C-alpha atoms as a PDB file:
ATOM      1  CA  UNK A   1     -11.359  35.504  -3.769  1.00  0.00           C
ATOM      2  CA  UNK A   2      -8.059  33.510  -3.801  1.00  0.00           C
ATOM      3  CA  UNK A   3      -6.710  32.481  -7.310  1.00  0.00           C
ATOM      4  CA  UNK A   4      -4.797  29.387  -6.403  1.00  0.00           C
ATOM      5  CA  UNK A   5      -3.711  27.360  -9.437  1.00  0.00           C
ATOM      6  CA  UNK A   6      -1.147  24.920  -8.155  1.00  0.00           C
ATOM      7  CA  UNK A   7      -1.850  22.858  -4.929  1.00  0.00           C
ATOM      8  CA  UNK A   8       0.809  20.575  -3.455  1.00  0.00           C
ATOM      9  CA  UNK A   9      -0.672  17.686  -1.393  1.00  0.00           C
ATOM     10  CA  UNK A  10       1.834  15.948   0.919  1.00  0.00           C
ATOM     11  CA  UNK A  11       0.887  12.363   1.734  1.00  0.00           C
ATOM     12  CA  UNK A  12      -1.454  12.669  -1.216  1.00  0.00           C
ATOM     13  CA  UNK A  13      -1.416   9.131  -1.983  1.00  0.00           C
ATOM     14  CA  UNK A  14      -2.861   7.958   1.277  1.00  0.00           C
ATOM     15  CA  UNK A  15      -6.433   7.356   2.408  1.00  0.00           C
ATOM     16  CA  UNK A  16      -7.824  11.070   2.287  1.00  0.00           C
ATOM     17  CA  UNK A  17      -5.407  11.993  -0.459  1.00  0.00           C
ATOM     18  CA  UNK A  18      -6.584   9.384  -2.636  1.00  0.00           C
ATOM     19  CA  UNK A  19      -9.988  10.929  -2.810  1.00  0.00           C
ATOM     20  CA  UNK A  20      -8.708  14.572  -2.513  1.00  0.00           C
ATOM     21  CA  UNK A  21      -6.330  14.674  -5.480  1.00  0.00           C
ATOM     22  CA  UNK A  22      -9.061  13.559  -8.063  1.00  0.00           C
ATOM     23  CA  UNK A  23     -11.370  16.199  -6.630  1.00  0.00           C
ATOM     24  CA  UNK A  24      -8.663  18.815  -6.999  1.00  0.00           C
ATOM     25  CA  UNK A  25      -7.959  17.972 -10.668  1.00  0.00           C
ATOM     26  CA  UNK A  26     -11.685  17.818 -11.220  1.00  0.00           C
ATOM     27  CA  UNK A  27     -12.086  21.350  -9.795  1.00  0.00           C
ATOM     28  CA  UNK A  28      -9.328  22.729 -12.270  1.00  0.00           C
ATOM     29  CA  UNK A  29      -6.369  22.899 -10.133  1.00  0.00           C
ATOM     30  CA  UNK A  30      -2.776  21.821 -10.995  1.00  0.00           C
ATOM     31  CA  UNK A  31      -1.745  19.333  -8.394  1.00  0.00           C
ATOM     32  CA  UNK A  32       1.590  18.091  -7.124  1.00  0.00           C
ATOM     33  CA  UNK A  33       1.735  15.045  -4.822  1.00  0.00           C
ATOM     34  CA  UNK A  34       4.654  14.295  -2.615  1.00  0.00           C
ATOM     35  CA  UNK A  35       4.325  10.960  -0.968  1.00  0.00           C
ATOM     36  CA  UNK A  36       6.416   7.771  -0.469  1.00  0.00           C
ATOM     37  CA  UNK A  37       3.763   5.836  -2.420  1.00  0.00           C
ATOM     38  CA  UNK A  38       4.150   2.921  -0.134  1.00  0.00           C
ATOM     39  CA  UNK A  39       0.599   1.682  -1.043  1.00  0.00           C
ATOM     40  CA  UNK A  40       1.471   1.437  -4.846  1.00  0.00           C
ATOM     41  CA  UNK A  41       2.627   3.708  -7.669  1.00  0.00           C
ATOM     42  CA  UNK A  42      -0.511   3.533  -9.770  1.00  0.00           C
ATOM     43  CA  UNK A  43      -2.963   4.926  -7.537  1.00  0.00           C
ATOM     44  CA  UNK A  44      -3.470   7.831  -9.877  1.00  0.00           C
ATOM     45  CA  UNK A  45      -2.941   6.291 -13.294  1.00  0.00           C
ATOM     46  CA  UNK A  46      -6.203   7.357 -14.698  1.00  0.00           C
ATOM     47  CA  UNK A  47      -5.567  10.955 -13.725  1.00  0.00           C
ATOM     48  CA  UNK A  48      -2.039  11.249 -15.149  1.00  0.00           C
ATOM     49  CA  UNK A  49      -1.461  14.366 -17.423  1.00  0.00           C
ATOM     50  CA  UNK A  50      -0.088  17.822 -17.548  1.00  0.00           C
ATOM     51  CA  UNK A  51      -2.229  18.887 -14.290  1.00  0.00           C
ATOM     52  CA  UNK A  52      -0.762  16.132 -12.108  1.00  0.00           C
ATOM     53  CA  UNK A  53       2.882  15.830 -11.018  1.00  0.00           C
ATOM     54  CA  UNK A  54       3.907  12.981  -8.801  1.00  0.00           C
ATOM     55  CA  UNK A  55       7.101  13.366  -6.635  1.00  0.00           C
ATOM     56  CA  UNK A  56       8.070  10.127  -5.195  1.00  0.00           C
ATOM     57  CA  UNK A  57      10.049  11.402  -2.031  1.00  0.00           C
ATOM     58  CA  UNK A  58      10.199  11.781   1.775  1.00  0.00           C
ATOM     59  CA  UNK A  59       8.950  15.120   3.500  1.00  0.00           C
ATOM     60  CA  UNK A  60      12.128  14.645   5.705  1.00  0.00           C
ATOM     61  CA  UNK A  61      14.238  15.099   2.461  1.00  0.00           C
ATOM     62  CA  UNK A  62      14.942  18.856   1.693  1.00  0.00           C
ATOM     63  CA  UNK A  63      15.578  18.057  -2.077  1.00  0.00           C
ATOM     64  CA  UNK A  64      12.370  16.161  -2.493  1.00  0.00           C
ATOM     65  CA  UNK A  65      10.487  18.927  -0.915  1.00  0.00           C
ATOM     66  CA  UNK A  66      12.115  21.686  -2.772  1.00  0.00           C
ATOM     67  CA  UNK A  67      11.290  19.826  -5.974  1.00  0.00           C
ATOM     68  CA  UNK A  68       7.652  19.239  -4.794  1.00  0.00           C
ATOM     69  CA  UNK A  69       7.271  22.975  -4.074  1.00  0.00           C
ATOM     70  CA  UNK A  70       8.219  24.402  -7.387  1.00  0.00           C
ATOM     71  CA  UNK A  71       5.572  26.661  -8.682  1.00  0.00           C
ATOM     72  CA  UNK A  72       3.124  25.722  -5.894  1.00  0.00           C
ATOM     73  CA  UNK A  73       0.947  28.563  -4.299  1.00  0.00           C
ATOM     74  CA  UNK A  74      -1.055  26.397  -1.703  1.00  0.00           C
ATOM     75  CA  UNK A  75      -0.125  23.480   0.462  1.00  0.00           C
ATOM     76  CA  UNK A  76      -2.523  20.863   2.001  1.00  0.00           C
ATOM     77  CA  UNK A  77      -0.309  18.976   4.457  1.00  0.00           C
ATOM     78  CA  UNK A  78      -1.520  15.387   5.086  1.00  0.00           C
ATOM     79  CA  UNK A  79       1.735  13.486   5.250  1.00  0.00           C
ATOM     80  CA  UNK A  80       2.298  11.802   8.785  1.00  0.00           C
ATOM     81  CA  UNK A  81       2.512   8.525  10.491  1.00  0.00           C
ATOM     82  CA  UNK A  82      -1.184   8.285  11.155  1.00  0.00           C
ATOM     83  CA  UNK A  83      -2.902   7.264  14.465  1.00  0.00           C
ATOM     84  CA  UNK A  84      -1.363   5.985  17.857  1.00  0.00           C
ATOM     85  CA  UNK A  85      -0.793   2.281  16.974  1.00  0.00           C
ATOM     86  CA  UNK A  86       1.024   3.363  13.876  1.00  0.00           C
ATOM     87  CA  UNK A  87       3.047   5.915  15.570  1.00  0.00           C
ATOM     88  CA  UNK A  88       4.010   3.404  18.566  1.00  0.00           C
ATOM     89  CA  UNK A  89       5.473   1.081  16.177  1.00  0.00           C
ATOM     90  CA  UNK A  90       8.469   3.176  15.822  1.00  0.00           C
ATOM     91  CA  UNK A  91       8.236   6.457  17.983  1.00  0.00           C
ATOM     92  CA  UNK A  92      11.534   7.923  16.460  1.00  0.00           C
ATOM     93  CA  UNK A  93      10.299   7.444  12.996  1.00  0.00           C
ATOM     94  CA  UNK A  94       7.020   9.043  13.997  1.00  0.00           C
ATOM     95  CA  UNK A  95       8.658  11.987  15.659  1.00  0.00           C
ATOM     96  CA  UNK A  96      10.844  12.649  12.606  1.00  0.00           C
ATOM     97  CA  UNK A  97       8.093  12.489  10.234  1.00  0.00           C
ATOM     98  CA  UNK A  98       5.150  14.132  12.325  1.00  0.00           C
ATOM     99  CA  UNK A  99       7.309  16.783  14.080  1.00  0.00           C
ATOM    100  CA  UNK A 100      10.748  17.398  13.364  1.00  0.00           C
ATOM    101  CA  UNK A 101      10.283  17.641   9.477  1.00  0.00           C
ATOM    102  CA  UNK A 102       7.367  19.999   9.980  1.00  0.00           C
ATOM    103  CA  UNK A 103       9.104  23.459  10.586  1.00  0.00           C
ATOM    104  CA  UNK A 104      11.487  22.787   7.710  1.00  0.00           C
ATOM    105  CA  UNK A 105       8.402  22.064   5.405  1.00  0.00           C
ATOM    106  CA  UNK A 106       6.813  25.150   6.292  1.00  0.00           C
ATOM    107  CA  UNK A 107       9.680  27.226   5.959  1.00  0.00           C
ATOM    108  CA  UNK A 108      10.346  25.626   2.434  1.00  0.00           C
ATOM    109  CA  UNK A 109       6.977  26.656   1.771  1.00  0.00           C
ATOM    110  CA  UNK A 110       7.334  30.299   2.376  1.00  0.00           C
ATOM    111  CA  UNK A 111      10.632  30.241   0.486  1.00  0.00           C
ATOM    112  CA  UNK A 112       8.816  28.796  -2.500  1.00  0.00           C
ATOM    113  CA  UNK A 113       6.211  31.716  -2.415  1.00  0.00           C
ATOM    114  CA  UNK A 114       3.400  29.452  -0.904  1.00  0.00           C
ATOM    115  CA  UNK A 115       0.411  31.676  -0.042  1.00  0.00           C
ATOM    116  CA  UNK A 116      -1.691  29.524   1.923  1.00  0.00           C
ATOM    117  CA  UNK A 117      -0.846  26.540   4.173  1.00  0.00           C
ATOM    118  CA  UNK A 118      -3.516  24.058   5.344  1.00  0.00           C
ATOM    119  CA  UNK A 119      -2.416  21.592   8.051  1.00  0.00           C
ATOM    120  CA  UNK A 120      -4.469  18.358   8.953  1.00  0.00           C
ATOM    121  CA  UNK A 121      -4.053  17.908  12.613  1.00  0.00           C
ATOM    122  CA  UNK A 122      -6.219  15.643  14.554  1.00  0.00           C
ATOM    123  CA  UNK A 123      -9.165  15.819  17.029  1.00  0.00           C
ATOM    124  CA  UNK A 124      -7.078  13.517  19.391  1.00  0.00           C
ATOM    125  CA  UNK A 125      -5.261  16.579  20.514  1.00  0.00           C
ATOM    126  CA  UNK A 126      -8.123  17.275  22.923  1.00  0.00           C
ATOM    127  CA  UNK A 127      -7.669  14.098  25.010  1.00  0.00           C
ATOM    128  CA  UNK A 128     -10.506  13.111  27.245  1.00  0.00           C
ATOM    129  CA  UNK A 129     -13.018  15.814  27.754  1.00  0.00           C
ATOM    130  CA  UNK A 130     -15.945  16.032  30.225  1.00  0.00           C
ATOM    131  CA  UNK A 131     -17.422  19.041  28.418  1.00  0.00           C
ATOM    132  CA  UNK A 132     -20.640  18.157  26.479  1.00  0.00           C
ATOM    133  CA  UNK A 133     -19.157  19.744  23.189  1.00  0.00           C
ATOM    134  CA  UNK A 134     -15.209  20.125  22.452  1.00  0.00           C
ATOM    135  CA  UNK A 135     -14.689  23.253  21.007  1.00  0.00           C
ATOM    136  CA  UNK A 136     -11.428  24.887  19.447  1.00  0.00           C
ATOM    137  CA  UNK A 137     -11.042  27.124  22.221  1.00  0.00           C
ATOM    138  CA  UNK A 138     -10.544  24.280  24.876  1.00  0.00           C
ATOM    139  CA  UNK A 139      -7.082  23.535  26.097  1.00  0.00           C
ATOM    140  CA  UNK A 140      -5.203  20.724  24.540  1.00  0.00           C
ATOM    141  CA  UNK A 141      -4.651  17.769  26.670  1.00  0.00           C
ATOM    142  CA  UNK A 142      -2.788  15.236  24.239  1.00  0.00           C
ATOM    143  CA  UNK A 143      -2.586  11.711  25.843  1.00  0.00           C
ATOM    144  CA  UNK A 144       0.034  10.044  23.326  1.00  0.00           C
ATOM    145  CA  UNK A 145       3.082  11.074  21.416  1.00  0.00           C
ATOM    146  CA  UNK A 146       1.003  10.998  18.077  1.00  0.00           C
ATOM    147  CA  UNK A 147      -1.403  13.775  19.370  1.00  0.00           C
ATOM    148  CA  UNK A 148       1.163  15.727  21.267  1.00  0.00           C
ATOM    149  CA  UNK A 149       3.240  16.141  18.175  1.00  0.00           C
ATOM    150  CA  UNK A 150       0.095  16.998  16.198  1.00  0.00           C
ATOM    151  CA  UNK A 151      -0.445  19.693  18.845  1.00  0.00           C
ATOM    152  CA  UNK A 152       3.137  20.864  18.765  1.00  0.00           C
ATOM    153  CA  UNK A 153       2.813  21.361  15.098  1.00  0.00           C
ATOM    154  CA  UNK A 154      -0.157  23.466  15.397  1.00  0.00           C
ATOM    155  CA  UNK A 155       1.997  25.877  17.544  1.00  0.00           C
ATOM    156  CA  UNK A 156       4.937  25.760  14.977  1.00  0.00           C
ATOM    157  CA  UNK A 157       2.602  26.618  12.068  1.00  0.00           C
ATOM    158  CA  UNK A 158       1.366  29.805  14.316  1.00  0.00           C
ATOM    159  CA  UNK A 159       4.804  30.896  14.855  1.00  0.00           C
ATOM    160  CA  UNK A 160       5.725  30.718  11.287  1.00  0.00           C
ATOM    161  CA  UNK A 161       2.716  32.660  10.150  1.00  0.00           C
ATOM    162  CA  UNK A 162       3.425  36.145   8.499  1.00  0.00           C
ATOM    163  CA  UNK A 163       1.677  38.536   6.124  1.00  0.00           C
ATOM    164  CA  UNK A 164       1.287  37.073   2.806  1.00  0.00           C
ATOM    165  CA  UNK A 165       1.386  33.430   4.210  1.00  0.00           C
ATOM    166  CA  UNK A 166      -1.887  32.432   5.320  1.00  0.00           C
ATOM    167  CA  UNK A 167      -2.029  29.398   7.677  1.00  0.00           C
ATOM    168  CA  UNK A 168      -5.078  27.281   8.935  1.00  0.00           C
ATOM    169  CA  UNK A 169      -5.366  24.333  10.916  1.00  0.00           C
ATOM    170  CA  UNK A 170      -8.017  21.473  10.508  1.00  0.00           C
ATOM    171  CA  UNK A 171      -8.590  18.993  13.352  1.00  0.00           C
ATOM    172  CA  UNK A 172     -10.320  16.270  11.446  1.00  0.00           C
ATOM    173  CA  UNK A 173     -12.625  13.665  13.394  1.00  0.00           C
ATOM    174  CA  UNK A 174     -12.100   9.855  12.350  1.00  0.00           C
ATOM    175  CA  UNK A 175     -12.625   9.858   8.621  1.00  0.00           C
ATOM    176  CA  UNK A 176     -14.857   7.032   7.273  1.00  0.00           C
ATOM    177  CA  UNK A 177     -16.131   5.828   4.067  1.00  0.00           C
ATOM    178  CA  UNK A 178     -14.747   4.079   0.705  1.00  0.00           C
ATOM    179  CA  UNK A 179     -11.900   5.495  -1.123  1.00  0.00           C
ATOM    180  CA  UNK A 180      -9.481   3.993  -3.714  1.00  0.00           C
ATOM    181  CA  UNK A 181      -6.502   3.779  -1.182  1.00  0.00           C
ATOM    182  CA  UNK A 182      -8.848   2.357   1.587  1.00  0.00           C
ATOM    183  CA  UNK A 183      -8.026   2.069   5.211  1.00  0.00           C
ATOM    184  CA  UNK A 184      -9.495  -0.578   7.250  1.00  0.00           C
ATOM    185  CA  UNK A 185      -7.761   0.365  10.499  1.00  0.00           C
ATOM    186  CA  UNK A 186     -10.259   3.102  11.260  1.00  0.00           C
ATOM    187  CA  UNK A 187     -13.160   2.440  13.489  1.00  0.00           C
ATOM    188  CA  UNK A 188     -16.158   2.570  11.108  1.00  0.00           C
ATOM    189  CA  UNK A 189     -14.251   1.031   8.318  1.00  0.00           C
ATOM    190  CA  UNK A 190     -12.903  -1.725  10.305  1.00  0.00           C
ATOM    191  CA  UNK A 191     -16.350  -2.547  11.785  1.00  0.00           C
ATOM    192  CA  UNK A 192     -18.015  -2.673   8.444  1.00  0.00           C
ATOM    193  CA  UNK A 193     -15.276  -5.077   7.159  1.00  0.00           C
ATOM    194  CA  UNK A 194     -15.397  -7.546   9.897  1.00  0.00           C
ATOM    195  CA  UNK A 195     -19.215  -7.578   9.804  1.00  0.00           C
ATOM    196  CA  UNK A 196     -19.196  -8.209   6.041  1.00  0.00           C
ATOM    197  CA  UNK A 197     -16.524 -10.615   5.765  1.00  0.00           C
ATOM    198  CA  UNK A 198     -16.260 -12.365   9.252  1.00  0.00           C
ATOM    199  CA  UNK A 199     -19.959 -11.835  10.259  1.00  0.00           C
ATOM    200  CA  UNK A 200     -18.561 -10.705  13.733  1.00  0.00           C
ATOM    201  CA  UNK A 201     -17.729  -7.373  15.415  1.00  0.00           C
ATOM    202  CA  UNK A 202     -15.823  -7.075  18.208  1.00  0.00           C
ATOM    203  CA  UNK A 203     -16.265  -3.939  20.247  1.00  0.00           C
ATOM    204  CA  UNK A 204     -13.590  -2.551  22.628  1.00  0.00           C
ATOM    205  CA  UNK A 205     -15.338  -1.041  25.436  1.00  0.00           C
ATOM    206  CA  UNK A 206     -18.257   0.716  23.667  1.00  0.00           C
ATOM    207  CA  UNK A 207     -19.256   3.751  25.672  1.00  0.00           C
ATOM    208  CA  UNK A 208     -16.569   5.791  24.278  1.00  0.00           C
ATOM    209  CA  UNK A 209     -17.816   8.685  22.080  1.00  0.00           C
ATOM    210  CA  UNK A 210     -16.105   9.066  18.784  1.00  0.00           C
ATOM    211  CA  UNK A 211     -16.362  11.787  16.316  1.00  0.00           C
ATOM    212  CA  UNK A 212     -16.522  10.855  12.599  1.00  0.00           C
ATOM    213  CA  UNK A 213     -16.588  12.534   9.259  1.00  0.00           C
ATOM    214  CA  UNK A 214     -17.410  10.971   5.676  1.00  0.00           C
ATOM    215  CA  UNK A 215     -14.278  11.118   3.647  1.00  0.00           C
ATOM    216  CA  UNK A 216     -16.386  13.077   0.878  1.00  0.00           C
ATOM    217  CA  UNK A 217     -16.958  15.924   3.432  1.00  0.00           C
ATOM    218  CA  UNK A 218     -13.434  15.822   4.572  1.00  0.00           C
ATOM    219  CA  UNK A 219     -12.435  16.456   0.857  1.00  0.00           C
ATOM    220  CA  UNK A 220     -15.014  19.172   0.454  1.00  0.00           C
ATOM    221  CA  UNK A 221     -13.535  20.944   3.475  1.00  0.00           C
ATOM    222  CA  UNK A 222     -10.171  21.013   1.913  1.00  0.00           C
ATOM    223  CA  UNK A 223     -11.505  22.438  -1.335  1.00  0.00           C
ATOM    224  CA  UNK A 224     -13.576  24.990   0.615  1.00  0.00           C
ATOM    225  CA  UNK A 225     -10.548  26.264   2.290  1.00  0.00           C
ATOM    226  CA  UNK A 226      -8.829  26.910  -0.862  1.00  0.00           C
ATOM    227  CA  UNK A 227     -11.596  29.179  -1.839  1.00  0.00           C
ATOM    228  CA  UNK A 228     -12.309  31.221   1.579  1.00  0.00           C
ATOM    229  CA  UNK A 229     -10.917  34.729   1.825  1.00  0.00           C
ATOM    230  CA  UNK A 230      -7.612  35.272   3.718  1.00  0.00           C
ATOM    231  CA  UNK A 231      -9.282  37.076   6.486  1.00  0.00           C
ATOM    232  CA  UNK A 232     -11.983  34.204   7.223  1.00  0.00           C
ATOM    233  CA  UNK A 233      -9.254  31.550   7.934  1.00  0.00           C
ATOM    234  CA  UNK A 234      -5.884  33.064   8.411  1.00  0.00           C
ATOM    235  CA  UNK A 235      -4.619  31.858  11.873  1.00  0.00           C
ATOM    236  CA  UNK A 236      -7.569  29.922  12.443  1.00  0.00           C
ATOM    237  CA  UNK A 237      -8.401  26.385  13.845  1.00  0.00           C
ATOM    238  CA  UNK A 238     -11.424  24.570  12.727  1.00  0.00           C
ATOM    239  CA  UNK A 239     -12.858  21.197  14.055  1.00  0.00           C
ATOM    240  CA  UNK A 240     -14.051  19.077  11.096  1.00  0.00           C
ATOM    241  CA  UNK A 241     -16.634  16.577  12.026  1.00  0.00           C
ATOM    242  CA  UNK A 242     -20.195  15.362  11.437  1.00  0.00           C
ATOM    243  CA  UNK A 243     -21.723  12.859  13.772  1.00  0.00           C
ATOM    244  CA  UNK A 244     -20.430  11.868  17.414  1.00  0.00           C
ATOM    245  CA  UNK A 245     -21.453   8.282  18.214  1.00  0.00           C
ATOM    246  CA  UNK A 246     -20.379   5.659  20.893  1.00  0.00           C
ATOM    247  CA  UNK A 247     -18.465   2.755  19.632  1.00  0.00           C
ATOM    248  CA  UNK A 248     -21.444   0.553  20.564  1.00  0.00           C
ATOM    249  CA  UNK A 249     -23.742   2.748  18.277  1.00  0.00           C
ATOM    250  CA  UNK A 250     -21.362   2.444  15.472  1.00  0.00           C
ATOM    251  CA  UNK A 251     -21.458  -1.423  15.807  1.00  0.00           C
ATOM    252  CA  UNK A 252     -25.258  -1.418  15.925  1.00  0.00           C
ATOM    253  CA  UNK A 253     -25.419   0.748  12.644  1.00  0.00           C
ATOM    254  CA  UNK A 254     -23.031  -1.682  10.935  1.00  0.00           C
ATOM    255  CA  UNK A 255     -24.794  -4.760  12.129  1.00  0.00           C
ATOM    256  CA  UNK A 256     -28.191  -3.436  10.991  1.00  0.00           C
ATOM    257  CA  UNK A 257     -26.818  -2.396   7.444  1.00  0.00           C
ATOM    258  CA  UNK A 258     -24.873  -5.615   6.529  1.00  0.00           C
ATOM    259  CA  UNK A 259     -27.249  -8.192   5.365  1.00  0.00           C
ATOM    260  CA  UNK A 260     -27.373 -11.498   7.583  1.00  0.00           C
ATOM    261  CA  UNK A 261     -26.690 -12.344  10.965  1.00  0.00           C
ATOM    262  CA  UNK A 262     -23.623 -10.441  12.366  1.00  0.00           C
ATOM    263  CA  UNK A 263     -22.393 -11.236  15.859  1.00  0.00           C
ATOM    264  CA  UNK A 264     -21.416  -8.403  17.997  1.00  0.00           C
ATOM    265  CA  UNK A 265     -18.919  -9.161  20.992  1.00  0.00           C
ATOM    266  CA  UNK A 266     -18.070  -6.584  23.580  1.00  0.00           C
ATOM    267  CA  UNK A 267     -14.715  -6.766  25.309  1.00  0.00           C
ATOM    268  CA  UNK A 268     -12.993  -4.414  27.974  1.00  0.00           C
ATOM    269  CA  UNK A 269     -10.499  -1.916  26.735  1.00  0.00           C
ATOM    270  CA  UNK A 270      -7.983   0.417  28.317  1.00  0.00           C
ATOM    271  CA  UNK A 271      -8.595   3.075  25.629  1.00  0.00           C
ATOM    272  CA  UNK A 272     -10.911   5.315  27.357  1.00  0.00           C
ATOM    273  CA  UNK A 273     -10.523   8.338  24.953  1.00  0.00           C
ATOM    274  CA  UNK A 274     -13.963  10.018  24.581  1.00  0.00           C
ATOM    275  CA  UNK A 275     -14.969  13.329  23.367  1.00  0.00           C
ATOM    276  CA  UNK A 276     -17.906  14.889  21.692  1.00  0.00           C
ATOM    277  CA  UNK A 277     -16.450  17.197  19.161  1.00  0.00           C
ATOM    278  CA  UNK A 278     -18.463  20.534  18.016  1.00  0.00           C
ATOM    279  CA  UNK A 279     -18.038  21.618  14.297  1.00  0.00           C
ATOM    280  CA  UNK A 280     -20.135  24.506  14.809  1.00  0.00           C
ATOM    281  CA  UNK A 281     -17.354  27.150  14.291  1.00  0.00           C
ATOM    282  CA  UNK A 282     -16.887  25.683  10.655  1.00  0.00           C
ATOM    283  CA  UNK A 283     -20.597  25.927   9.995  1.00  0.00           C
ATOM    284  CA  UNK A 284     -20.847  29.346  11.507  1.00  0.00           C
ATOM    285  CA  UNK A 285     -17.987  31.078  10.389  1.00  0.00           C
ATOM    286  CA  UNK A 286     -17.205  29.545   6.857  1.00  0.00           C
ATOM    287  CA  UNK A 287     -20.699  28.246   6.087  1.00  0.00           C
ATOM    288  CA  UNK A 288     -19.543  24.777   5.496  1.00  0.00           C
ATOM    289  CA  UNK A 289     -22.395  22.216   6.440  1.00  0.00           C
ATOM    290  CA  UNK A 290     -21.367  18.435   6.021  1.00  0.00           C
ATOM    291  CA  UNK A 291     -23.618  16.511   3.385  1.00  0.00           C
ATOM    292  CA  UNK A 292     -22.804  12.806   4.197  1.00  0.00           C
ATOM    293  CA  UNK A 293     -23.403  10.602   7.143  1.00  0.00           C
ATOM    294  CA  UNK A 294     -21.763   7.677   9.020  1.00  0.00           C
ATOM    295  CA  UNK A 295     -24.657   5.540   7.507  1.00  0.00           C
ATOM    296  CA  UNK A 296     -23.682   6.874   3.835  1.00  0.00           C
ATOM    297  CA  UNK A 297     -20.177   5.576   4.752  1.00  0.00           C
ATOM    298  CA  UNK A 298     -21.234   2.153   5.788  1.00  0.00           C
ATOM    299  CA  UNK A 299     -23.539   1.933   2.734  1.00  0.00           C
ATOM    300  CA  UNK A 300     -20.601   2.748   0.436  1.00  0.00           C
ATOM    301  CA  UNK A 301     -18.317   0.336   2.033  1.00  0.00           C
ATOM    302  CA  UNK A 302     -20.761  -2.459   1.891  1.00  0.00           C
ATOM    303  CA  UNK A 303     -21.378  -1.728  -1.697  1.00  0.00           C
ATOM    304  CA  UNK A 304     -17.590  -1.802  -2.521  1.00  0.00           C
ATOM    305  CA  UNK A 305     -17.111  -5.000  -0.692  1.00  0.00           C
ATOM    306  CA  UNK A 306     -20.062  -6.460  -2.578  1.00  0.00           C
ATOM    307  CA  UNK A 307     -18.583  -5.361  -5.884  1.00  0.00           C
ATOM    308  CA  UNK A 308     -15.176  -7.075  -5.217  1.00  0.00           C
ATOM    309  CA  UNK A 309     -13.278  -3.828  -4.650  1.00  0.00           C
ATOM    310  CA  UNK A 310     -11.822  -5.433  -1.590  1.00  0.00           C
ATOM    311  CA  UNK A 311     -10.937  -9.077  -1.987  1.00  0.00           C
ATOM    312  CA  UNK A 312      -8.834  -9.848   1.135  1.00  0.00           C
ATOM    313  CA  UNK A 313      -9.284  -7.484   4.094  1.00  0.00           C
ATOM    314  CA  UNK A 314      -6.252  -8.374   5.940  1.00  0.00           C
ATOM    315  CA  UNK A 315      -3.985  -7.424   3.016  1.00  0.00           C
ATOM    316  CA  UNK A 316      -1.292  -4.967   4.267  1.00  0.00           C
ATOM    317  CA  UNK A 317      -2.377  -2.427   1.798  1.00  0.00           C
ATOM    318  CA  UNK A 318      -5.369  -1.620   3.780  1.00  0.00           C
ATOM    319  CA  UNK A 319      -3.529  -1.495   7.423  1.00  0.00           C
ATOM    320  CA  UNK A 320      -0.989   1.178   8.062  1.00  0.00           C
ATOM    321  CA  UNK A 321       0.981  -0.695  10.793  1.00  0.00           C
ATOM    322  CA  UNK A 322       1.034  -4.059   8.618  1.00  0.00           C
ATOM    323  CA  UNK A 323       2.590  -2.247   5.654  1.00  0.00           C
ATOM    324  CA  UNK A 324       4.978  -0.257   7.730  1.00  0.00           C
ATOM    325  CA  UNK A 325       6.298  -3.407   8.997  1.00  0.00           C
ATOM    326  CA  UNK A 326       6.397  -5.124   5.641  1.00  0.00           C
ATOM    327  CA  UNK A 327       8.486  -2.321   3.952  1.00  0.00           C
ATOM    328  CA  UNK A 328      10.538  -1.578   7.210  1.00  0.00           C
ATOM    329  CA  UNK A 329      10.080   2.109   6.797  1.00  0.00           C
ATOM    330  CA  UNK A 330      12.784   4.155   8.946  1.00  0.00           C
END
């Protein structure tokens, strides 16, 4: 089995990273985080110690990347401008971070002696599919620049793969559930927040199928990929999902979980992306079976809301676009 000791998580102070980094530390890894820390510098205050190194920097900065790569033998690359609306806010910024910085980052990893590179792509690379199950062997038809550059980075990673440098791509479904650096601009999370705080849910369209995965399972997948033998994952691509539900079904689940009356309003939308993602490959080849459900995520979020862990749902810290506008990221 692999004997990795030191893992670099780019974008480690984001939503998934805020849950992943503590899990890596708990599993006994040394961890370096490379992140701009736009959402606050004290995210990992309780975890600081000799096993955690935090590099405040930009993945577009070769010096910051070189510093963060020191002594690292595995990389989990999460850093990006996440989702289409955030990308559309500044397409040049999105391209520079999501695509142009990628090959230099991968080559820096190889130069530093990194032996495993795990890339977080996106299930949005599939576009709109008529197939009843979207599997990894279907052609990619990205509809937006965000998903197009996610797909192009997959190609880059394949091109940079070489003996001793194991690469694997994960195509996550939409992540949901509570994390310390919470995002309330993801479908399940924002439905839950609106239901709890505003007593009203607005559903755009409703018939579109959306694949989702609980954040605890997303973290578990990355941990699992660090323990898999090289031959099981080298050059492979894995969908990472748990449940496929329509947006209307998600709204109903949220409404039924939140106590009291919650109004559900359905309005038209131009966003017709719809796909039913199959994660059978991950189950069959790696033996990974998700343990948590969308219902678990909704329950966890509502418990956090009730405990006062979110006091103002419109605070920019919970919304990528609003935060990017406030800091004027370039």
